[in-house]
PDB file of N, CA and C in Angstrom:
ATOM      1  N   UNK A   1       0.491  -1.314  -0.131  1.00  0.00           N
ATOM      2  CA  UNK A   1      -0.468   0.482   0.104  1.00  0.00           C
ATOM      3  C   UNK A   1       1.070   0.697   0.218  1.00  0.00           C
ATOM      4  N   UNK A   2       1.660   1.451   1.059  1.00  0.00           N
ATOM      5  CA  UNK A   2       2.886   2.656   0.591  1.00  0.00           C
ATOM      6  C   UNK A   2       3.690   2.683  -0.288  1.00  0.00           C
ATOM      7  N   UNK A   3       3.790   1.128  -1.454  1.00  0.00           N
ATOM      8  CA  UNK A   3       4.506   1.471  -2.565  1.00  0.00           C
ATOM      9  C   UNK A   3       3.488   2.100  -3.511  1.00  0.00           C
ATOM     10  N   UNK A   4       2.387   1.595  -3.333  1.00  0.00           N
ATOM     11  CA  UNK A   4       1.358   2.094  -4.483  1.00  0.00           C
ATOM     12  C   UNK A   4       1.409   3.461  -4.236  1.00  0.00           C
ATOM     13  N   UNK A   5       0.919   4.207  -2.709  1.00  0.00           N
ATOM     14  CA  UNK A   5       0.733   5.759  -2.303  1.00  0.00           C
ATOM     15  C   UNK A   5       1.770   7.072  -2.548  1.00  0.00           C
ATOM     16  N   UNK A   6       2.824   6.113  -2.829  1.00  0.00           N
ATOM     17  CA  UNK A   6       4.303   7.216  -3.301  1.00  0.00           C
ATOM     18  C   UNK A   6       3.990   7.312  -5.287  1.00  0.00           C
ATOM     19  N   UNK A   7       3.670   6.588  -5.822  1.00  0.00           N
ATOM     20  CA  UNK A   7       2.888   7.137  -7.054  1.00  0.00           C
ATOM     21  C   UNK A   7       2.497   8.217  -7.107  1.00  0.00           C
ATOM     22  N   UNK A   8       1.850   8.077  -6.093  1.00  0.00           N
ATOM     23  CA  UNK A   8       0.529   9.420  -5.862  1.00  0.00           C
ATOM     24  C   UNK A   8       1.192  10.626  -6.780  1.00  0.00           C
ATOM     25  N   UNK A   9      -0.152  11.188  -7.153  1.00  0.00           N
ATOM     26  CA  UNK A   9       0.533  12.729  -7.699  1.00  0.00           C
ATOM     27  C   UNK A   9       0.223  13.812  -6.730  1.00  0.00           C
ATOM     28  N   UNK A  10       1.301  14.142  -5.740  1.00  0.00           N
ATOM     29  CA  UNK A  10       1.306  14.877  -4.903  1.00  0.00           C
ATOM     30  C   UNK A  10       0.125  15.610  -4.801  1.00  0.00           C
ATOM     31  N   UNK A  11       0.216  16.947  -5.433  1.00  0.00           N
ATOM     32  CA  UNK A  11      -0.293  17.957  -5.967  1.00  0.00           C
ATOM     33  C   UNK A  11      -1.973  17.503  -5.885  1.00  0.00           C
ATOM     34  N   UNK A  12      -2.045  16.241  -6.826  1.00  0.00           N
ATOM     35  CA  UNK A  12      -3.506  15.769  -6.426  1.00  0.00           C
ATOM     36  C   UNK A  12      -4.216  15.161  -5.337  1.00  0.00           C
ATOM     37  N   UNK A  13      -3.787  14.920  -4.781  1.00  0.00           N
ATOM     38  CA  UNK A  13      -3.657  14.004  -3.684  1.00  0.00           C
ATOM     39  C   UNK A  13      -4.187  15.193  -2.578  1.00  0.00           C
ATOM     40  N   UNK A  14      -3.307  16.077  -2.340  1.00  0.00           N
ATOM     41  CA  UNK A  14      -3.554  17.405  -1.534  1.00  0.00           C
ATOM     42  C   UNK A  14      -4.759  18.136  -1.630  1.00  0.00           C
ATOM     43  N   UNK A  15      -4.936  18.483  -3.415  1.00  0.00           N
ATOM     44  CA  UNK A  15      -6.341  19.026  -3.133  1.00  0.00           C
ATOM     45  C   UNK A  15      -7.587  18.101  -2.831  1.00  0.00           C
ATOM     46  N   UNK A  16      -7.370  16.793  -3.415  1.00  0.00           N
ATOM     47  CA  UNK A  16      -8.213  16.267  -3.032  1.00  0.00           C
ATOM     48  C   UNK A  16      -9.046  15.553  -1.333  1.00  0.00           C
ATOM     49  N   UNK A  17      -8.078  16.089  -0.424  1.00  0.00           N
ATOM     50  CA  UNK A  17      -7.919  15.982   0.978  1.00  0.00           C
ATOM     51  C   UNK A  17      -8.117  17.431   1.326  1.00  0.00           C
ATOM     52  N   UNK A  18      -7.519  18.212   0.871  1.00  0.00           N
ATOM     53  CA  UNK A  18      -8.099  20.619   1.457  1.00  0.00           C
ATOM     54  C   UNK A  18      -9.656  20.223   0.601  1.00  0.00           C
ATOM     55  N   UNK A  19     -10.158  19.494  -0.334  1.00  0.00           N
ATOM     56  CA  UNK A  19     -11.620  19.838  -0.851  1.00  0.00           C
ATOM     57  C   UNK A  19     -13.039  19.144   0.317  1.00  0.00           C
ATOM     58  N   UNK A  20     -11.410  17.547   0.509  1.00  0.00           N
ATOM     59  CA  UNK A  20     -12.836  17.014   1.474  1.00  0.00           C
ATOM     60  C   UNK A  20     -12.575  18.185   2.473  1.00  0.00           C
ATOM     61  N   UNK A  21     -11.809  18.497   3.295  1.00  0.00           N
ATOM     62  CA  UNK A  21     -12.172  19.040   4.245  1.00  0.00           C
ATOM     63  C   UNK A  21     -12.956  20.263   4.754  1.00  0.00           C
ATOM     64  N   UNK A  22     -13.307  20.631   3.633  1.00  0.00           N
ATOM     65  CA  UNK A  22     -12.612  22.361   3.321  1.00  0.00           C
ATOM     66  C   UNK A  22     -14.839  22.241   3.386  1.00  0.00           C
ATOM     67  N   UNK A  23     -15.833  20.860   2.774  1.00  0.00           N
ATOM     68  CA  UNK A  23     -17.330  21.077   2.786  1.00  0.00           C
ATOM     69  C   UNK A  23     -17.754  19.778   3.424  1.00  0.00           C
ATOM     70  N   UNK A  24     -18.719  20.566   4.336  1.00  0.00           N
ATOM     71  CA  UNK A  24     -19.433  19.741   5.500  1.00  0.00           C
ATOM     72  C   UNK A  24     -20.189  19.795   4.766  1.00  0.00           C
ATOM     73  N   UNK A  25     -20.561  18.028   4.027  1.00  0.00           N
ATOM     74  CA  UNK A  25     -21.721  17.575   3.712  1.00  0.00           C
ATOM     75  C   UNK A  25     -23.032  16.806   4.421  1.00  0.00           C
ATOM     76  N   UNK A  26     -22.448  17.288   5.696  1.00  0.00           N
ATOM     77  CA  UNK A  26     -23.843  16.450   6.360  1.00  0.00           C
ATOM     78  C   UNK A  26     -25.162  16.511   7.140  1.00  0.00           C
ATOM     79  N   UNK A  27     -25.075  17.721   5.850  1.00  0.00           N
ATOM     80  CA  UNK A  27     -26.805  17.950   5.988  1.00  0.00           C
ATOM     81  C   UNK A  27     -27.510  17.390   5.464  1.00  0.00           C
ATOM     82  N   UNK A  28     -26.773  17.394   4.179  1.00  0.00           N
ATOM     83  CA  UNK A  28     -27.734  16.707   2.496  1.00  0.00           C
ATOM     84  C   UNK A  28     -27.244  14.944   3.342  1.00  0.00           C
ATOM     85  N   UNK A  29     -27.123  14.558   3.862  1.00  0.00           N
ATOM     86  CA  UNK A  29     -27.437  12.918   4.507  1.00  0.00           C
ATOM     87  C   UNK A  29     -28.876  12.181   4.965  1.00  0.00           C
ATOM     88  N   UNK A  30     -29.708  13.703   4.905  1.00  0.00           N
ATOM     89  CA  UNK A  30     -30.843  13.152   5.275  1.00  0.00           C
ATOM     90  C   UNK A  30     -31.861  12.596   3.090  1.00  0.00           C
ATOM     91  N   UNK A  31     -30.881  13.780   2.540  1.00  0.00           N
ATOM     92  CA  UNK A  31     -31.828  13.291   1.200  1.00  0.00           C
ATOM     93  C   UNK A  31     -30.859  11.863   0.348  1.00  0.00           C
ATOM     94  N   UNK A  32     -30.595  11.352   1.286  1.00  0.00           N
ATOM     95  CA  UNK A  32     -29.988   9.936   0.724  1.00  0.00           C
ATOM     96  C   UNK A  32     -30.802   9.107   0.997  1.00  0.00           C
ATOM     97  N   UNK A  33     -31.804   8.039  -0.438  1.00  0.00           N
ATOM     98  CA  UNK A  33     -33.010   7.613  -0.220  1.00  0.00           C
ATOM     99  C   UNK A  33     -32.318   5.817  -0.652  1.00  0.00           C
ATOM    100  N   UNK A  34     -31.597   6.156  -0.589  1.00  0.00           N
ATOM    101  CA  UNK A  34     -31.154   4.568  -0.798  1.00  0.00           C
ATOM    102  C   UNK A  34     -30.317   3.157   0.176  1.00  0.00           C
ATOM    103  N   UNK A  35     -30.827   2.433   0.440  1.00  0.00           N
ATOM    104  CA  UNK A  35     -30.491   1.686   1.117  1.00  0.00           C
ATOM    105  C   UNK A  35     -28.750   1.723   1.622  1.00  0.00           C
ATOM    106  N   UNK A  36     -28.016   2.334   2.594  1.00  0.00           N
ATOM    107  CA  UNK A  36     -26.464   2.162   2.494  1.00  0.00           C
ATOM    108  C   UNK A  36     -25.645   1.405   3.518  1.00  0.00           C
ATOM    109  N   UNK A  37     -25.400   0.813   3.438  1.00  0.00           N
ATOM    110  CA  UNK A  37     -23.967   0.132   4.602  1.00  0.00           C
ATOM    111  C   UNK A  37     -23.048   0.899   4.750  1.00  0.00           C
ATOM    112  N   UNK A  38     -23.531   0.802   6.108  1.00  0.00           N
ATOM    113  CA  UNK A  38     -21.140   2.200   6.307  1.00  0.00           C
ATOM    114  C   UNK A  38     -20.468   0.782   7.408  1.00  0.00           C
ATOM    115  N   UNK A  39     -19.489   0.366   6.841  1.00  0.00           N
ATOM    116  CA  UNK A  39     -18.367  -0.420   7.432  1.00  0.00           C
ATOM    117  C   UNK A  39     -17.176  -0.036   8.133  1.00  0.00           C
ATOM    118  N   UNK A  40     -17.236   0.818   9.736  1.00  0.00           N
ATOM    119  CA  UNK A  40     -16.626   1.363  10.710  1.00  0.00           C
ATOM    120  C   UNK A  40     -15.349   0.347  11.188  1.00  0.00           C
ATOM    121  N   UNK A  41     -14.492   0.874  11.588  1.00  0.00           N
ATOM    122  CA  UNK A  41     -13.019   0.572  12.051  1.00  0.00           C
ATOM    123  C   UNK A  41     -13.311   0.594  13.908  1.00  0.00           C
ATOM    124  N   UNK A  42     -13.172   0.068  14.482  1.00  0.00           N
ATOM    125  CA  UNK A  42     -13.737   0.296  16.471  1.00  0.00           C
ATOM    126  C   UNK A  42     -12.037   0.605  16.405  1.00  0.00           C
ATOM    127  N   UNK A  43     -11.034   0.319  15.906  1.00  0.00           N
ATOM    128  CA  UNK A  43      -9.485   0.617  16.731  1.00  0.00           C
ATOM    129  C   UNK A  43      -8.864   1.969  16.482  1.00  0.00           C
ATOM    130  N   UNK A  44     -10.036   2.585  16.812  1.00  0.00           N
ATOM    131  CA  UNK A  44      -9.415   4.077  16.532  1.00  0.00           C
ATOM    132  C   UNK A  44      -8.702   5.017  17.579  1.00  0.00           C
ATOM    133  N   UNK A  45      -8.668   4.405  19.016  1.00  0.00           N
ATOM    134  CA  UNK A  45      -7.572   5.356  20.082  1.00  0.00           C
ATOM    135  C   UNK A  45      -9.533   5.468  20.441  1.00  0.00           C
ATOM    136  N   UNK A  46     -10.409   6.239  19.906  1.00  0.00           N
ATOM    137  CA  UNK A  46     -11.286   6.015  20.689  1.00  0.00           C
ATOM    138  C   UNK A  46     -12.107   4.961  21.537  1.00  0.00           C
ATOM    139  N   UNK A  47     -12.498   5.107  22.500  1.00  0.00           N
ATOM    140  CA  UNK A  47     -12.863   4.052  23.497  1.00  0.00           C
ATOM    141  C   UNK A  47     -14.092   3.908  22.254  1.00  0.00           C
ATOM    142  N   UNK A  48     -13.927   2.225  21.858  1.00  0.00           N
ATOM    143  CA  UNK A  48     -15.548   1.636  21.793  1.00  0.00           C
ATOM    144  C   UNK A  48     -16.254   2.327  21.559  1.00  0.00           C
ATOM    145  N   UNK A  49     -17.611   2.637  22.997  1.00  0.00           N
ATOM    146  CA  UNK A  49     -18.638   2.914  23.023  1.00  0.00           C
ATOM    147  C   UNK A  49     -18.722   4.609  22.266  1.00  0.00           C
ATOM    148  N   UNK A  50     -17.872   4.857  22.922  1.00  0.00           N
ATOM    149  CA  UNK A  50     -17.650   6.693  21.919  1.00  0.00           C
ATOM    150  C   UNK A  50     -17.745   6.405  21.057  1.00  0.00           C
ATOM    151  N   UNK A  51     -16.679   6.132  20.156  1.00  0.00           N
ATOM    152  CA  UNK A  51     -16.699   5.653  18.435  1.00  0.00           C
ATOM    153  C   UNK A  51     -18.159   5.462  18.186  1.00  0.00           C
ATOM    154  N   UNK A  52     -19.262   4.462  18.543  1.00  0.00           N
ATOM    155  CA  UNK A  52     -19.777   4.079  18.191  1.00  0.00           C
ATOM    156  C   UNK A  52     -21.385   5.143  18.221  1.00  0.00           C
ATOM    157  N   UNK A  53     -21.014   5.827  18.972  1.00  0.00           N
ATOM    158  CA  UNK A  53     -21.910   6.688  19.586  1.00  0.00           C
ATOM    159  C   UNK A  53     -21.809   7.948  18.508  1.00  0.00           C
ATOM    160  N   UNK A  54     -20.970   8.502  18.479  1.00  0.00           N
ATOM    161  CA  UNK A  54     -20.281   9.540  16.987  1.00  0.00           C
ATOM    162  C   UNK A  54     -21.081   8.734  15.716  1.00  0.00           C
ATOM    163  N   UNK A  55     -20.768   7.722  15.631  1.00  0.00           N
ATOM    164  CA  UNK A  55     -20.885   7.210  13.736  1.00  0.00           C
ATOM    165  C   UNK A  55     -22.624   7.792  14.521  1.00  0.00           C
ATOM    166  N   UNK A  56     -22.734   6.408  15.263  1.00  0.00           N
ATOM    167  CA  UNK A  56     -24.733   6.580  14.858  1.00  0.00           C
ATOM    168  C   UNK A  56     -24.730   8.036  14.627  1.00  0.00           C
ATOM    169  N   UNK A  57     -24.642   8.895  15.263  1.00  0.00           N
ATOM    170  CA  UNK A  57     -25.052  10.449  15.358  1.00  0.00           C
ATOM    171  C   UNK A  57     -24.451  11.360  14.399  1.00  0.00           C
ATOM    172  N   UNK A  58     -23.841  10.649  13.846  1.00  0.00           N
ATOM    173  CA  UNK A  58     -23.385  11.511  12.325  1.00  0.00           C
ATOM    174  C   UNK A  58     -24.463  11.060  10.796  1.00  0.00           C
ATOM    175  N   UNK A  59     -24.516   9.410  11.431  1.00  0.00           N
ATOM    176  CA  UNK A  59     -25.431   9.045  10.543  1.00  0.00           C
ATOM    177  C   UNK A  59     -27.549   8.880  10.583  1.00  0.00           C
ATOM    178  N   UNK A  60     -27.207  10.260  12.133  1.00  0.00           N
ATOM    179  CA  UNK A  60     -28.888   9.811  11.949  1.00  0.00           C
ATOM    180  C   UNK A  60     -30.086  10.595  11.325  1.00  0.00           C
ATOM    181  N   UNK A  61     -29.298  11.314  10.098  1.00  0.00           N
ATOM    182  CA  UNK A  61     -30.290  11.627   9.262  1.00  0.00           C
ATOM    183  C   UNK A  61     -30.540  10.529   8.498  1.00  0.00           C
ATOM    184  N   UNK A  62     -29.609   9.746   8.410  1.00  0.00           N
ATOM    185  CA  UNK A  62     -29.667   8.485   6.928  1.00  0.00           C
ATOM    186  C   UNK A  62     -30.819   7.645   6.733  1.00  0.00           C
ATOM    187  N   UNK A  63     -32.020   7.616   6.382  1.00  0.00           N
ATOM    188  CA  UNK A  63     -33.317   7.031   6.532  1.00  0.00           C
ATOM    189  C   UNK A  63     -33.250   5.685   6.432  1.00  0.00           C
ATOM    190  N   UNK A  64     -32.023   5.081   5.268  1.00  0.00           N
ATOM    191  CA  UNK A  64     -31.859   3.142   6.056  1.00  0.00           C
ATOM    192  C   UNK A  64     -30.350   3.022   6.269  1.00  0.00           C
ATOM    193  N   UNK A  65     -29.828   2.535   6.804  1.00  0.00           N
ATOM    194  CA  UNK A  65     -28.779   2.596   7.202  1.00  0.00           C
ATOM    195  C   UNK A  65     -28.060   1.802   7.835  1.00  0.00           C
ATOM    196  N   UNK A  66     -27.599   0.543   7.379  1.00  0.00           N
ATOM    197  CA  UNK A  66     -26.494  -0.377   8.599  1.00  0.00           C
ATOM    198  C   UNK A  66     -24.617  -0.186   8.535  1.00  0.00           C
ATOM    199  N   UNK A  67     -25.243   0.222   9.882  1.00  0.00           N
ATOM    200  CA  UNK A  67     -23.571   1.116  10.127  1.00  0.00           C
ATOM    201  C   UNK A  67     -23.057  -0.226  11.082  1.00  0.00           C
ATOM    202  N   UNK A  68     -21.852  -0.876  10.802  1.00  0.00           N
ATOM    203  CA  UNK A  68     -21.813  -1.892  11.361  1.00  0.00           C
ATOM    204  C   UNK A  68     -19.605  -2.441  11.498  1.00  0.00           C
ATOM    205  N   UNK A  69     -19.472  -2.111  12.943  1.00  0.00           N
ATOM    206  CA  UNK A  69     -18.779  -2.165  13.723  1.00  0.00           C
ATOM    207  C   UNK A  69     -17.563  -3.053  13.263  1.00  0.00           C
ATOM    208  N   UNK A  70     -16.504  -2.923  12.804  1.00  0.00           N
ATOM    209  CA  UNK A  70     -15.051  -4.329  13.074  1.00  0.00           C
ATOM    210  C   UNK A  70     -13.832  -3.958  13.467  1.00  0.00           C
ATOM    211  N   UNK A  71     -13.801  -4.993  14.117  1.00  0.00           N
ATOM    212  CA  UNK A  71     -11.971  -4.695  15.017  1.00  0.00           C
ATOM    213  C   UNK A  71     -11.128  -4.194  14.040  1.00  0.00           C
ATOM    214  N   UNK A  72     -10.890  -3.476  14.021  1.00  0.00           N
ATOM    215  CA  UNK A  72      -9.729  -2.857  13.068  1.00  0.00           C
ATOM    216  C   UNK A  72      -9.887  -1.243  13.261  1.00  0.00           C
ATOM    217  N   UNK A  73      -8.082  -1.526  12.767  1.00  0.00           N
ATOM    218  CA  UNK A  73      -6.768   0.091  13.145  1.00  0.00           C
ATOM    219  C   UNK A  73      -7.753   1.126  12.382  1.00  0.00           C
ATOM    220  N   UNK A  74      -7.971   0.756  10.713  1.00  0.00           N
ATOM    221  CA  UNK A  74      -8.959   2.150  10.029  1.00  0.00           C
ATOM    222  C   UNK A  74      -8.932   1.666   9.267  1.00  0.00           C
ATOM    223  N   UNK A  75      -7.958   0.542   8.246  1.00  0.00           N
ATOM    224  CA  UNK A  75      -8.486   0.616   6.635  1.00  0.00           C
ATOM    225  C   UNK A  75      -9.772  -0.794   6.667  1.00  0.00           C
ATOM    226  N   UNK A  76     -10.065  -0.612   7.268  1.00  0.00           N
ATOM    227  CA  UNK A  76     -10.679  -2.418   7.143  1.00  0.00           C
ATOM    228  C   UNK A  76     -10.719  -3.460   6.459  1.00  0.00           C
ATOM    229  N   UNK A  77     -10.835  -3.419   5.616  1.00  0.00           N
ATOM    230  CA  UNK A  77     -10.285  -4.060   4.005  1.00  0.00           C
ATOM    231  C   UNK A  77      -9.311  -4.418   4.330  1.00  0.00           C
ATOM    232  N   UNK A  78      -8.318  -4.096   4.668  1.00  0.00           N
ATOM    233  CA  UNK A  78      -7.024  -4.152   4.994  1.00  0.00           C
ATOM    234  C   UNK A  78      -6.751  -5.691   6.365  1.00  0.00           C
ATOM    235  N   UNK A  79      -7.389  -4.448   7.344  1.00  0.00           N
ATOM    236  CA  UNK A  79      -6.865  -5.497   8.344  1.00  0.00           C
ATOM    237  C   UNK A  79      -8.277  -6.395   8.363  1.00  0.00           C
ATOM    238  N   UNK A  80      -9.618  -7.059   8.599  1.00  0.00           N
ATOM    239  CA  UNK A  80      -9.886  -7.427   8.929  1.00  0.00           C
ATOM    240  C   UNK A  80     -10.555  -7.595   7.057  1.00  0.00           C
ATOM    241  N   UNK A  81     -10.080  -8.243   5.993  1.00  0.00           N
ATOM    242  CA  UNK A  81     -10.504  -8.973   4.763  1.00  0.00           C
ATOM    243  C   UNK A  81     -11.743  -9.248   4.558  1.00  0.00           C
ATOM    244  N   UNK A  82     -11.719 -10.326   5.543  1.00  0.00           N
ATOM    245  CA  UNK A  82     -12.723 -11.181   5.828  1.00  0.00           C
ATOM    246  C   UNK A  82     -14.048 -11.089   6.228  1.00  0.00           C
ATOM    247  N   UNK A  83     -13.917 -10.293   6.866  1.00  0.00           N
ATOM    248  CA  UNK A  83     -15.295 -10.184   7.965  1.00  0.00           C
ATOM    249  C   UNK A  83     -16.107  -8.676   6.945  1.00  0.00           C
ATOM    250  N   UNK A  84     -15.004  -8.068   6.008  1.00  0.00           N
ATOM    251  CA  UNK A  84     -14.875  -6.850   4.854  1.00  0.00           C
ATOM    252  C   UNK A  84     -15.615  -7.280   3.431  1.00  0.00           C
ATOM    253  N   UNK A  85     -15.449  -8.065   3.546  1.00  0.00           N
ATOM    254  CA  UNK A  85     -15.496  -9.072   1.725  1.00  0.00           C
ATOM    255  C   UNK A  85     -17.170  -9.490   2.892  1.00  0.00           C
ATOM    256  N   UNK A  86     -17.245 -10.261   3.762  1.00  0.00           N
ATOM    257  CA  UNK A  86     -18.762 -11.035   3.511  1.00  0.00           C
ATOM    258  C   UNK A  86     -19.685  -9.699   3.795  1.00  0.00           C
ATOM    259  N   UNK A  87     -19.131  -8.647   4.757  1.00  0.00           N
ATOM    260  CA  UNK A  87     -21.098  -7.441   4.555  1.00  0.00           C
ATOM    261  C   UNK A  87     -20.653  -7.044   3.519  1.00  0.00           C
ATOM    262  N   UNK A  88     -19.383  -6.871   2.923  1.00  0.00           N
ATOM    263  CA  UNK A  88     -19.562  -6.444   1.044  1.00  0.00           C
ATOM    264  C   UNK A  88     -20.831  -7.082   0.780  1.00  0.00           C
ATOM    265  N   UNK A  89     -20.505  -8.198  -0.015  1.00  0.00           N
ATOM    266  CA  UNK A  89     -21.112  -9.596  -0.523  1.00  0.00           C
ATOM    267  C   UNK A  89     -22.728  -9.226  -0.089  1.00  0.00           C
ATOM    268  N   UNK A  90     -22.730  -9.782   1.650  1.00  0.00           N
ATOM    269  CA  UNK A  90     -24.254  -9.111   1.418  1.00  0.00           C
ATOM    270  C   UNK A  90     -25.747  -7.889   1.112  1.00  0.00           C
ATOM    271  N   UNK A  91     -24.008  -6.931   1.523  1.00  0.00           N
ATOM    272  CA  UNK A  91     -24.929  -5.168   1.494  1.00  0.00           C
ATOM    273  C   UNK A  91     -25.430  -5.538  -0.946  1.00  0.00           C
ATOM    274  N   UNK A  92     -24.475  -5.775  -1.120  1.00  0.00           N
ATOM    275  CA  UNK A  92     -24.612  -6.280  -2.505  1.00  0.00           C
ATOM    276  C   UNK A  92     -25.598  -7.263  -3.030  1.00  0.00           C
ATOM    277  N   UNK A  93     -25.661  -8.339  -1.961  1.00  0.00           N
ATOM    278  CA  UNK A  93     -27.307  -9.000  -2.427  1.00  0.00           C
ATOM    279  C   UNK A  93     -28.270  -8.587  -1.816  1.00  0.00           C
ATOM    280  N   UNK A  94     -28.130  -8.064  -0.793  1.00  0.00           N
ATOM    281  CA  UNK A  94     -29.404  -7.305  -0.447  1.00  0.00           C
ATOM    282  C   UNK A  94     -29.677  -6.311  -1.432  1.00  0.00           C
ATOM    283  N   UNK A  95     -28.990  -5.814  -1.941  1.00  0.00           N
ATOM    284  CA  UNK A  95     -29.242  -4.148  -3.314  1.00  0.00           C
ATOM    285  C   UNK A  95     -30.131  -4.856  -4.574  1.00  0.00           C
ATOM    286  N   UNK A  96     -29.711  -5.993  -4.722  1.00  0.00           N
ATOM    287  CA  UNK A  96     -29.896  -6.857  -6.459  1.00  0.00           C
ATOM    288  C   UNK A  96     -31.820  -7.614  -5.978  1.00  0.00           C
TER     289      UNK A  96
END
């Protein structure tokens, strides 16, 4: 992953991060009208109950959201690939 990241264009990455951090799209979450699955990591340095409460607060406006927590550090798909892909397969199957 580090080797691939090193190939990234620094200006493009910096611009993307700046744009992402400068726009608060939370006010639009209530407009989401399709089922949504969010897979979140729990090993972030915050106590798990606080982290889960923050996530639930953040997505409360979404009508149909399945918020799933996995014991992982940051990149769930790398830390817990079996659990991640099982959840992904489940979400895709329920969408079809």
